[in-house]
All heavy atoms as atom14 arrays in JSON, in Angstrom:
{
  "sequence": "LPAPLREVLERIPASAHPMDVMRTGCSMLGNLEPEGDFDNQQAVAD",
  "atom14_mask": [
    [1, 1, 1, 1, 1, 1, 1, 1, 0, 0, 0, 0, 0, 0],
    [1, 1, 1, 1, 1, 1, 1, 0, 0, 0, 0, 0, 0, 0],
    [1, 1, 1, 1, 1, 0, 0, 0, 0, 0, 0, 0, 0, 0],
    [1, 1, 1, 1, 1, 1, 1, 0, 0, 0, 0, 0, 0, 0],
    [1, 1, 1, 1, 1, 1, 1, 1, 0, 0, 0, 0, 0, 0],
    [1, 1, 1, 1, 1, 1, 1, 1, 1, 1, 1, 0, 0, 0],
    [1, 1, 1, 1, 1, 1, 1, 1, 1, 0, 0, 0, 0, 0],
    [1, 1, 1, 1, 1, 1, 1, 0, 0, 0, 0, 0, 0, 0],
    [1, 1, 1, 1, 1, 1, 1, 1, 0, 0, 0, 0, 0, 0],
    [1, 1, 1, 1, 1, 1, 1, 1, 1, 0, 0, 0, 0, 0],
    [1, 1, 1, 1, 1, 1, 1, 1, 1, 1, 1, 0, 0, 0],
    [1, 1, 1, 1, 1, 1, 1, 1, 0, 0, 0, 0, 0, 0],
    [1, 1, 1, 1, 1, 1, 1, 0, 0, 0, 0, 0, 0, 0],
    [1, 1, 1, 1, 1, 0, 0, 0, 0, 0, 0, 0, 0, 0],
    [1, 1, 1, 1, 1, 1, 0, 0, 0, 0, 0, 0, 0, 0],
    [1, 1, 1, 1, 1, 0, 0, 0, 0, 0, 0, 0, 0, 0],
    [1, 1, 1, 1, 1, 1, 1, 1, 1, 1, 0, 0, 0, 0],
    [1, 1, 1, 1, 1, 1, 1, 0, 0, 0, 0, 0, 0, 0],
    [1, 1, 1, 1, 1, 1, 1, 1, 0, 0, 0, 0, 0, 0],
    [1, 1, 1, 1, 1, 1, 1, 1, 0, 0, 0, 0, 0, 0],
    [1, 1, 1, 1, 1, 1, 1, 0, 0, 0, 0, 0, 0, 0],
    [1, 1, 1, 1, 1, 1, 1, 1, 0, 0, 0, 0, 0, 0],
    [1, 1, 1, 1, 1, 1, 1, 1, 1, 1, 1, 0, 0, 0],
    [1, 1, 1, 1, 1, 1, 1, 0, 0, 0, 0, 0, 0, 0],
    [1, 1, 1, 1, 0, 0, 0, 0, 0, 0, 0, 0, 0, 0],
    [1, 1, 1, 1, 1, 1, 0, 0, 0, 0, 0, 0, 0, 0],
    [1, 1, 1, 1, 1, 1, 0, 0, 0, 0, 0, 0, 0, 0],
    [1, 1, 1, 1, 1, 1, 1, 1, 0, 0, 0, 0, 0, 0],
    [1, 1, 1, 1, 1, 1, 1, 1, 0, 0, 0, 0, 0, 0],
    [1, 1, 1, 1, 0, 0, 0, 0, 0, 0, 0, 0, 0, 0],
    [1, 1, 1, 1, 1, 1, 1, 1, 0, 0, 0, 0, 0, 0],
    [1, 1, 1, 1, 1, 1, 1, 1, 0, 0, 0, 0, 0, 0],
    [1, 1, 1, 1, 1, 1, 1, 1, 1, 0, 0, 0, 0, 0],
    [1, 1, 1, 1, 1, 1, 1, 0, 0, 0, 0, 0, 0, 0],
    [1, 1, 1, 1, 1, 1, 1, 1, 1, 0, 0, 0, 0, 0],
    [1, 1, 1, 1, 0, 0, 0, 0, 0, 0, 0, 0, 0, 0],
    [1, 1, 1, 1, 1, 1, 1, 1, 0, 0, 0, 0, 0, 0],
    [1, 1, 1, 1, 1, 1, 1, 1, 1, 1, 1, 0, 0, 0],
    [1, 1, 1, 1, 1, 1, 1, 1, 0, 0, 0, 0, 0, 0],
    [1, 1, 1, 1, 1, 1, 1, 1, 0, 0, 0, 0, 0, 0],
    [1, 1, 1, 1, 1, 1, 1, 1, 1, 0, 0, 0, 0, 0],
    [1, 1, 1, 1, 1, 1, 1, 1, 1, 0, 0, 0, 0, 0],
    [1, 1, 1, 1, 1, 0, 0, 0, 0, 0, 0, 0, 0, 0],
    [1, 1, 1, 1, 1, 1, 1, 0, 0, 0, 0, 0, 0, 0],
    [1, 1, 1, 1, 1, 0, 0, 0, 0, 0, 0, 0, 0, 0],
    [1, 1, 1, 1, 1, 1, 1, 1, 0, 0, 0, 0, 0, 0]
  ],
  "atom14_positions": [
    [[-7.31, 3.51, -10.67], [-7.15, 3.53, -9.22], [-8.49, 3.76, -8.55], [-9.23, 4.67, -8.95], [-6.17, 4.63, -8.8], [-4.8, 4.61, -9.48], [-3.95, 5.78, -8.97], [-4.08, 3.29, -9.24], [0.0, 0.0, 0.0], [0.0, 0.0, 0.0], [0.0, 0.0, 0.0], [0.0, 0.0, 0.0], [0.0, 0.0, 0.0], [0.0, 0.0, 0.0]],
    [[-8.83, 2.97, -7.53], [-10.09, 3.19, -6.82], [-10.1, 4.56, -6.14], [-9.05, 5.09, -5.74], [-10.14, 2.05, -5.81], [-8.72, 1.58, -5.67], [-8.07, 1.84, -6.98], [0.0, 0.0, 0.0], [0.0, 0.0, 0.0], [0.0, 0.0, 0.0], [0.0, 0.0, 0.0], [0.0, 0.0, 0.0], [0.0, 0.0, 0.0], [0.0, 0.0, 0.0]],
    [[-11.29, 5.12, -5.99], [-11.43, 6.48, -5.43], [-10.76, 6.64, -4.06], [-10.09, 7.66, -3.82], [-12.9, 6.85, -5.36], [0.0, 0.0, 0.0], [0.0, 0.0, 0.0], [0.0, 0.0, 0.0], [0.0, 0.0, 0.0], [0.0, 0.0, 0.0], [0.0, 0.0, 0.0], [0.0, 0.0, 0.0], [0.0, 0.0, 0.0], [0.0, 0.0, 0.0]],
    [[-10.9, 5.69, -3.13], [-10.24, 5.86, -1.83], [-8.71, 5.95, -1.94], [-8.07, 6.69, -1.19], [-10.66, 4.61, -1.04], [-11.95, 4.19, -1.67], [-11.76, 4.49, -3.13], [0.0, 0.0, 0.0], [0.0, 0.0, 0.0], [0.0, 0.0, 0.0], [0.0, 0.0, 0.0], [0.0, 0.0, 0.0], [0.0, 0.0, 0.0], [0.0, 0.0, 0.0]],
    [[-8.13, 5.22, -2.89], [-6.68, 5.3, -3.08], [-6.3, 6.66, -3.65], [-5.3, 7.25, -3.24], [-6.21, 4.17, -4.0], [-4.72, 4.16, -4.37], [-3.83, 4.23, -3.14], [-4.39, 2.91, -5.2], [0.0, 0.0, 0.0], [0.0, 0.0, 0.0], [0.0, 0.0, 0.0], [0.0, 0.0, 0.0], [0.0, 0.0, 0.0], [0.0, 0.0, 0.0]],
    [[-7.07, 7.16, -4.59], [-6.81, 8.49, -5.12], [-6.87, 9.55, -4.01], [-6.05, 10.46, -3.96], [-7.82, 8.82, -6.22], [-7.66, 8.0, -7.49], [-8.8, 8.28, -8.47], [-8.69, 7.47, -9.68], [-8.34, 7.95, -10.87], [-8.06, 9.23, -11.01], [-8.27, 7.16, -11.92], [0.0, 0.0, 0.0], [0.0, 0.0, 0.0], [0.0, 0.0, 0.0]],
    [[-7.84, 9.39, -3.12], [-7.98, 10.34, -2.01], [-6.75, 10.3, -1.1], [-6.26, 11.35, -0.65], [-9.23, 10.02, -1.21], [-10.53, 10.26, -1.98], [-11.75, 9.71, -1.26], [-11.6, 9.3, -0.09], [-12.83, 9.67, -1.87], [0.0, 0.0, 0.0], [0.0, 0.0, 0.0], [0.0, 0.0, 0.0], [0.0, 0.0, 0.0], [0.0, 0.0, 0.0]],
    [[-6.25, 9.1, -0.84], [-5.04, 8.97, -0.02], [-3.85, 9.64, -0.71], [-3.09, 10.39, -0.09], [-4.74, 7.48, 0.27], [-3.33, 7.32, 0.84], [-5.76, 6.91, 1.23], [0.0, 0.0, 0.0], [0.0, 0.0, 0.0], [0.0, 0.0, 0.0], [0.0, 0.0, 0.0], [0.0, 0.0, 0.0], [0.0, 0.0, 0.0], [0.0, 0.0, 0.0]],
    [[-3.69, 9.38, -2.0], [-2.57, 9.96, -2.74], [-2.65, 11.48, -2.75], [-1.61, 12.16, -2.7], [-2.54, 9.41, -4.17], [-2.25, 7.91, -4.3], [-2.44, 7.45, -5.74], [-0.84, 7.59, -3.82], [0.0, 0.0, 0.0], [0.0, 0.0, 0.0], [0.0, 0.0, 0.0], [0.0, 0.0, 0.0], [0.0, 0.0, 0.0], [0.0, 0.0, 0.0]],
    [[-3.85, 12.02, -2.82], [-4.0, 13.47, -2.84], [-3.65, 14.1, -1.49], [-3.36, 15.3, -1.42], [-5.43, 13.84, -3.24], [-5.73, 13.55, -4.7], [-7.13, 13.95, -5.12], [-7.81, 14.68, -4.33], [-7.56, 13.57, -6.21], [0.0, 0.0, 0.0], [0.0, 0.0, 0.0], [0.0, 0.0, 0.0], [0.0, 0.0, 0.0], [0.0, 0.0, 0.0]],
    [[-3.68, 13.31, -0.43], [-3.33, 13.83, 0.9], [-1.83, 13.78, 1.19], [-1.37, 14.35, 2.18], [-4.08, 13.03, 1.98], [-5.58, 13.3, 2.01], [-6.28, 12.42, 3.04], [-7.7, 12.71, 3.1], [-8.25, 13.62, 3.9], [-7.48, 14.32, 4.7], [-9.54, 13.81, 3.9], [0.0, 0.0, 0.0], [0.0, 0.0, 0.0], [0.0, 0.0, 0.0]],
    [[-1.07, 13.1, 0.34], [0.38, 13.01, 0.56], [1.04, 14.25, -0.03], [0.87, 14.55, -1.21], [0.94, 11.74, -0.11], [0.26, 10.49, 0.47], [2.46, 11.66, 0.11], [0.69, 9.19, -0.21], [0.0, 0.0, 0.0], [0.0, 0.0, 0.0], [0.0, 0.0, 0.0], [0.0, 0.0, 0.0], [0.0, 0.0, 0.0], [0.0, 0.0, 0.0]],
    [[1.82, 14.98, 0.77], [2.39, 16.25, 0.29], [3.47, 16.05, -0.77], [4.07, 14.97, -0.89], [2.98, 16.86, 1.56], [3.28, 15.69, 2.44], [2.18, 14.71, 2.17], [0.0, 0.0, 0.0], [0.0, 0.0, 0.0], [0.0, 0.0, 0.0], [0.0, 0.0, 0.0], [0.0, 0.0, 0.0], [0.0, 0.0, 0.0], [0.0, 0.0, 0.0]],
    [[3.72, 17.1, -1.52], [4.75, 17.06, -2.56], [6.13, 16.81, -1.98], [7.03, 16.34, -2.67], [4.73, 18.36, -3.36], [0.0, 0.0, 0.0], [0.0, 0.0, 0.0], [0.0, 0.0, 0.0], [0.0, 0.0, 0.0], [0.0, 0.0, 0.0], [0.0, 0.0, 0.0], [0.0, 0.0, 0.0], [0.0, 0.0, 0.0], [0.0, 0.0, 0.0]],
    [[6.31, 17.15, -0.7], [7.61, 16.98, -0.05], [7.89, 15.53, 0.35], [9.0, 15.21, 0.78], [7.68, 17.86, 1.21], [6.64, 17.5, 2.12], [0.0, 0.0, 0.0], [0.0, 0.0, 0.0], [0.0, 0.0, 0.0], [0.0, 0.0, 0.0], [0.0, 0.0, 0.0], [0.0, 0.0, 0.0], [0.0, 0.0, 0.0], [0.0, 0.0, 0.0]],
    [[6.92, 14.65, 0.21], [7.1, 13.26, 0.61], [8.14, 12.58, -0.27], [8.34, 12.95, -1.43], [5.78, 12.51, 0.53], [0.0, 0.0, 0.0], [0.0, 0.0, 0.0], [0.0, 0.0, 0.0], [0.0, 0.0, 0.0], [0.0, 0.0, 0.0], [0.0, 0.0, 0.0], [0.0, 0.0, 0.0], [0.0, 0.0, 0.0], [0.0, 0.0, 0.0]],
    [[8.79, 11.58, 0.29], [9.72, 10.77, -0.5], [8.89, 9.9, -1.44], [7.97, 9.2, -1.01], [10.56, 9.88, 0.42], [11.75, 9.28, -0.23], [11.66, 8.38, -1.28], [13.09, 9.43, 0.0], [12.86, 7.99, -1.65], [13.75, 8.62, -0.89], [0.0, 0.0, 0.0], [0.0, 0.0, 0.0], [0.0, 0.0, 0.0], [0.0, 0.0, 0.0]],
    [[9.17, 9.92, -2.75], [8.37, 9.13, -3.7], [8.31, 7.64, -3.37], [7.31, 6.98, -3.67], [9.07, 9.38, -5.03], [9.69, 10.73, -4.87], [10.15, 10.78, -3.45], [0.0, 0.0, 0.0], [0.0, 0.0, 0.0], [0.0, 0.0, 0.0], [0.0, 0.0, 0.0], [0.0, 0.0, 0.0], [0.0, 0.0, 0.0], [0.0, 0.0, 0.0]],
    [[9.36, 7.1, -2.76], [9.31, 5.69, -2.4], [8.33, 5.45, -1.25], [7.73, 4.38, -1.14], [10.7, 5.18, -2.03], [11.64, 5.09, -3.22], [11.11, 3.82, -4.41], [11.63, 2.35, -3.53], [0.0, 0.0, 0.0], [0.0, 0.0, 0.0], [0.0, 0.0, 0.0], [0.0, 0.0, 0.0], [0.0, 0.0, 0.0], [0.0, 0.0, 0.0]],
    [[8.15, 6.45, -0.4], [7.12, 6.35, 0.64], [5.73, 6.34, 0.01], [4.81, 5.68, 0.5], [7.25, 7.51, 1.63], [8.54, 7.47, 2.42], [9.21, 6.41, 2.43], [8.9, 8.5, 3.04], [0.0, 0.0, 0.0], [0.0, 0.0, 0.0], [0.0, 0.0, 0.0], [0.0, 0.0, 0.0], [0.0, 0.0, 0.0], [0.0, 0.0, 0.0]],
    [[5.58, 7.1, -1.07], [4.32, 7.11, -1.8], [4.03, 5.72, -2.39], [2.91, 5.21, -2.3], [4.34, 8.17, -2.92], [3.03, 8.14, -3.71], [4.58, 9.56, -2.35], [0.0, 0.0, 0.0], [0.0, 0.0, 0.0], [0.0, 0.0, 0.0], [0.0, 0.0, 0.0], [0.0, 0.0, 0.0], [0.0, 0.0, 0.0], [0.0, 0.0, 0.0]],
    [[5.05, 5.11, -2.98], [4.88, 3.78, -3.54], [4.52, 2.77, -2.45], [3.64, 1.92, -2.63], [6.16, 3.33, -4.25], [6.55, 4.18, -5.44], [5.35, 4.05, -6.78], [6.05, 2.73, -7.75], [0.0, 0.0, 0.0], [0.0, 0.0, 0.0], [0.0, 0.0, 0.0], [0.0, 0.0, 0.0], [0.0, 0.0, 0.0], [0.0, 0.0, 0.0]],
    [[5.18, 2.87, -1.33], [4.92, 1.96, -0.21], [3.48, 2.13, 0.3], [2.75, 1.15, 0.49], [5.91, 2.28, 0.91], [5.81, 1.4, 2.15], [6.62, 2.02, 3.28], [6.06, 3.3, 3.69], [6.77, 4.29, 4.2], [8.09, 4.18, 4.33], [6.19, 5.41, 4.59], [0.0, 0.0, 0.0], [0.0, 0.0, 0.0], [0.0, 0.0, 0.0]],
    [[3.06, 3.38, 0.46], [1.71, 3.65, 0.93], [0.66, 3.23, -0.09], [-0.37, 2.66, 0.26], [1.55, 5.15, 1.25], [2.47, 5.5, 2.3], [0.14, 5.48, 1.7], [0.0, 0.0, 0.0], [0.0, 0.0, 0.0], [0.0, 0.0, 0.0], [0.0, 0.0, 0.0], [0.0, 0.0, 0.0], [0.0, 0.0, 0.0], [0.0, 0.0, 0.0]],
    [[0.94, 3.5, -1.35], [-0.01, 3.13, -2.39], [-0.22, 1.63, -2.46], [-1.35, 1.15, -2.58], [0.0, 0.0, 0.0], [0.0, 0.0, 0.0], [0.0, 0.0, 0.0], [0.0, 0.0, 0.0], [0.0, 0.0, 0.0], [0.0, 0.0, 0.0], [0.0, 0.0, 0.0], [0.0, 0.0, 0.0], [0.0, 0.0, 0.0], [0.0, 0.0, 0.0]],
    [[0.87, 0.87, -2.38], [0.78, -0.59, -2.41], [0.01, -1.1, -1.2], [-0.88, -1.96, -1.32], [2.18, -1.19, -2.45], [2.21, -3.0, -2.41], [0.0, 0.0, 0.0], [0.0, 0.0, 0.0], [0.0, 0.0, 0.0], [0.0, 0.0, 0.0], [0.0, 0.0, 0.0], [0.0, 0.0, 0.0], [0.0, 0.0, 0.0], [0.0, 0.0, 0.0]],
    [[0.33, -0.57, -0.03], [-0.33, -1.01, 1.2], [-1.82, -0.66, 1.19], [-2.66, -1.47, 1.59], [0.36, -0.36, 2.4], [-0.18, -0.84, 3.61], [0.0, 0.0, 0.0], [0.0, 0.0, 0.0], [0.0, 0.0, 0.0], [0.0, 0.0, 0.0], [0.0, 0.0, 0.0], [0.0, 0.0, 0.0], [0.0, 0.0, 0.0], [0.0, 0.0, 0.0]],
    [[-2.15, 0.53, 0.73], [-3.55, 0.94, 0.67], [-4.34, 0.06, -0.29], [-5.48, -0.32, -0.01], [-3.64, 2.41, 0.25], [-5.08, 2.96, 0.25], [-5.82, 2.9, 1.9], [-7.48, 3.47, 1.53], [0.0, 0.0, 0.0], [0.0, 0.0, 0.0], [0.0, 0.0, 0.0], [0.0, 0.0, 0.0], [0.0, 0.0, 0.0], [0.0, 0.0, 0.0]],
    [[-3.74, -0.27, -1.42], [-4.41, -1.14, -2.38], [-4.67, -2.51, -1.75], [-5.69, -3.15, -2.02], [-3.57, -1.29, -3.65], [-4.29, -1.84, -4.88], [-5.46, -0.96, -5.28], [-3.31, -1.99, -6.05], [0.0, 0.0, 0.0], [0.0, 0.0, 0.0], [0.0, 0.0, 0.0], [0.0, 0.0, 0.0], [0.0, 0.0, 0.0], [0.0, 0.0, 0.0]],
    [[-3.76, -2.93, -0.87], [-3.95, -4.2, -0.16], [-5.12, -4.16, 0.79], [-5.75, -5.19, 1.06], [0.0, 0.0, 0.0], [0.0, 0.0, 0.0], [0.0, 0.0, 0.0], [0.0, 0.0, 0.0], [0.0, 0.0, 0.0], [0.0, 0.0, 0.0], [0.0, 0.0, 0.0], [0.0, 0.0, 0.0], [0.0, 0.0, 0.0], [0.0, 0.0, 0.0]],
    [[-5.43, -2.98, 1.32], [-6.61, -2.83, 2.17], [-7.89, -2.87, 1.34], [-8.91, -3.42, 1.76], [-6.55, -1.5, 2.94], [-5.59, -1.54, 4.1], [-5.87, -2.16, 5.12], [-4.46, -0.89, 3.96], [0.0, 0.0, 0.0], [0.0, 0.0, 0.0], [0.0, 0.0, 0.0], [0.0, 0.0, 0.0], [0.0, 0.0, 0.0], [0.0, 0.0, 0.0]],
    [[-7.85, -2.25, 0.18], [-9.04, -2.14, -0.66], [-9.3, -3.41, -1.46], [-10.46, -3.76, -1.73], [-8.89, -0.95, -1.61], [-8.73, 0.41, -0.95], [-8.4, 1.47, -2.01], [-9.97, 0.8, -0.17], [0.0, 0.0, 0.0], [0.0, 0.0, 0.0], [0.0, 0.0, 0.0], [0.0, 0.0, 0.0], [0.0, 0.0, 0.0], [0.0, 0.0, 0.0]],
    [[-8.22, -4.08, -1.88], [-8.33, -5.27, -2.72], [-7.43, -6.37, -2.16], [-6.42, -6.74, -2.76], [-7.93, -4.93, -4.17], [-8.74, -3.81, -4.8], [-8.21, -3.39, -6.16], [-7.31, -4.06, -6.7], [-8.7, -2.37, -6.7], [0.0, 0.0, 0.0], [0.0, 0.0, 0.0], [0.0, 0.0, 0.0], [0.0, 0.0, 0.0], [0.0, 0.0, 0.0]],
    [[-7.74, -6.89, -0.99], [-6.86, -7.88, -0.35], [-6.71, -9.15, -1.17], [-7.61, -9.53, -1.92], [-7.56, -8.15, 0.99], [-8.99, -7.77, 0.76], [-8.96, -6.62, -0.19], [0.0, 0.0, 0.0], [0.0, 0.0, 0.0], [0.0, 0.0, 0.0], [0.0, 0.0, 0.0], [0.0, 0.0, 0.0], [0.0, 0.0, 0.0], [0.0, 0.0, 0.0]],
    [[-5.56, -9.77, -1.0], [-5.3, -11.01, -1.74], [-6.25, -12.12, -1.34], [-6.68, -12.91, -2.17], [-3.84, -11.45, -1.5], [-3.45, -12.71, -2.24], [-2.01, -13.12, -1.96], [-1.42, -12.66, -0.96], [-1.47, -13.92, -2.75], [0.0, 0.0, 0.0], [0.0, 0.0, 0.0], [0.0, 0.0, 0.0], [0.0, 0.0, 0.0], [0.0, 0.0, 0.0]],
    [[-6.56, -12.16, -0.05], [-7.45, -13.22, 0.43], [-6.77, -14.56, 0.39], [-5.97, -14.9, 1.25], [0.0, 0.0, 0.0], [0.0, 0.0, 0.0], [0.0, 0.0, 0.0], [0.0, 0.0, 0.0], [0.0, 0.0, 0.0], [0.0, 0.0, 0.0], [0.0, 0.0, 0.0], [0.0, 0.0, 0.0], [0.0, 0.0, 0.0], [0.0, 0.0, 0.0]],
    [[-7.05, -15.33, -0.61], [-6.49, -16.66, -0.77], [-5.27, -16.6, -1.69], [-5.23, -15.81, -2.63], [-7.55, -17.6, -1.36], [-7.13, -19.06, -1.28], [-6.35, -19.48, -2.16], [-7.57, -19.75, -0.36], [0.0, 0.0, 0.0], [0.0, 0.0, 0.0], [0.0, 0.0, 0.0], [0.0, 0.0, 0.0], [0.0, 0.0, 0.0], [0.0, 0.0, 0.0]],
    [[-4.28, -17.46, -1.46], [-3.08, -17.48, -2.3], [-3.41, -17.87, -3.74], [-2.59, -17.68, -4.63], [-2.04, -18.44, -1.73], [-1.36, -17.91, -0.48], [-0.41, -18.68, 0.18], [-1.64, -16.64, 0.03], [0.23, -18.2, 1.32], [-1.03, -16.16, 1.17], [-0.09, -16.95, 1.82], [0.0, 0.0, 0.0], [0.0, 0.0, 0.0], [0.0, 0.0, 0.0]],
    [[-4.58, -18.43, -3.97], [-4.98, -18.73, -5.34], [-5.1, -17.46, -6.18], [-5.12, -17.51, -7.41], [-6.32, -19.47, -5.37], [-6.21, -20.9, -4.85], [-5.07, -21.43, -4.8], [-7.25, -21.49, -4.5], [0.0, 0.0, 0.0], [0.0, 0.0, 0.0], [0.0, 0.0, 0.0], [0.0, 0.0, 0.0], [0.0, 0.0, 0.0], [0.0, 0.0, 0.0]],
    [[-5.17, -16.31, -5.5], [-5.32, -15.02, -6.18], [-3.99, -14.33, -6.42], [-3.96, -13.17, -6.85], [-6.23, -14.1, -5.36], [-7.62, -14.65, -5.18], [-8.18, -15.23, -6.1], [-8.18, -14.47, -3.99], [0.0, 0.0, 0.0], [0.0, 0.0, 0.0], [0.0, 0.0, 0.0], [0.0, 0.0, 0.0], [0.0, 0.0, 0.0], [0.0, 0.0, 0.0]],
    [[-2.86, -15.0, -6.14], [-1.57, -14.32, -6.14], [-1.2, -13.73, -7.51], [-0.67, -12.62, -7.59], [-0.47, -15.24, -5.65], [-0.26, -16.5, -6.46], [0.8, -17.41, -5.85], [1.34, -17.16, -4.77], [1.13, -18.48, -6.55], [0.0, 0.0, 0.0], [0.0, 0.0, 0.0], [0.0, 0.0, 0.0], [0.0, 0.0, 0.0], [0.0, 0.0, 0.0]],
    [[-1.49, -14.44, -8.59], [-1.16, -13.9, -9.9], [-2.02, -12.7, -10.23], [-1.55, -11.72, -10.83], [-1.33, -14.97, -10.98], [-0.84, -14.52, -12.36], [0.64, -14.2, -12.39], [1.47, -15.04, -12.02], [1.0, -12.99, -12.82], [0.0, 0.0, 0.0], [0.0, 0.0, 0.0], [0.0, 0.0, 0.0], [0.0, 0.0, 0.0], [0.0, 0.0, 0.0]],
    [[-3.28, -12.73, -9.82], [-4.17, -11.59, -10.05], [-3.67, -10.36, -9.3], [-3.72, -9.24, -9.83], [-5.59, -11.94, -9.62], [0.0, 0.0, 0.0], [0.0, 0.0, 0.0], [0.0, 0.0, 0.0], [0.0, 0.0, 0.0], [0.0, 0.0, 0.0], [0.0, 0.0, 0.0], [0.0, 0.0, 0.0], [0.0, 0.0, 0.0], [0.0, 0.0, 0.0]],
    [[-3.16, -10.55, -8.08], [-2.63, -9.43, -7.31], [-1.37, -8.89, -7.97], [-1.18, -7.66, -8.08], [-2.34, -9.85, -5.86], [-1.63, -8.73, -5.1], [-3.63, -10.22, -5.14], [0.0, 0.0, 0.0], [0.0, 0.0, 0.0], [0.0, 0.0, 0.0], [0.0, 0.0, 0.0], [0.0, 0.0, 0.0], [0.0, 0.0, 0.0], [0.0, 0.0, 0.0]],
    [[-0.5, -9.78, -8.41], [0.73, -9.34, -9.08], [0.4, -8.55, -10.33], [1.0, -7.48, -10.58], [1.59, -10.56, -9.43], [0.0, 0.0, 0.0], [0.0, 0.0, 0.0], [0.0, 0.0, 0.0], [0.0, 0.0, 0.0], [0.0, 0.0, 0.0], [0.0, 0.0, 0.0], [0.0, 0.0, 0.0], [0.0, 0.0, 0.0], [0.0, 0.0, 0.0]],
    [[-0.54, -9.03, -11.13], [-0.93, -8.31, -12.34], [-1.53, -6.95, -12.01], [-1.26, -5.96, -12.7], [-1.92, -9.15, -13.15], [-1.3, -10.39, -13.77], [-0.06, -10.46, -13.85], [-2.06, -11.3, -14.16], [0.0, 0.0, 0.0], [0.0, 0.0, 0.0], [0.0, 0.0, 0.0], [0.0, 0.0, 0.0], [0.0, 0.0, 0.0], [0.0, 0.0, 0.0]]
  ]
}
């Protein structure tokens, strides 16, 4: 996991709903490693 994503995860409290964590983690990764072109779709899925 990239350092900025780890930092975000560390700021989410233990009381958070785990599915909210998954949603935030996926979205944050999209900010750090955007798909860009659809030619990259398999790389993003992997």
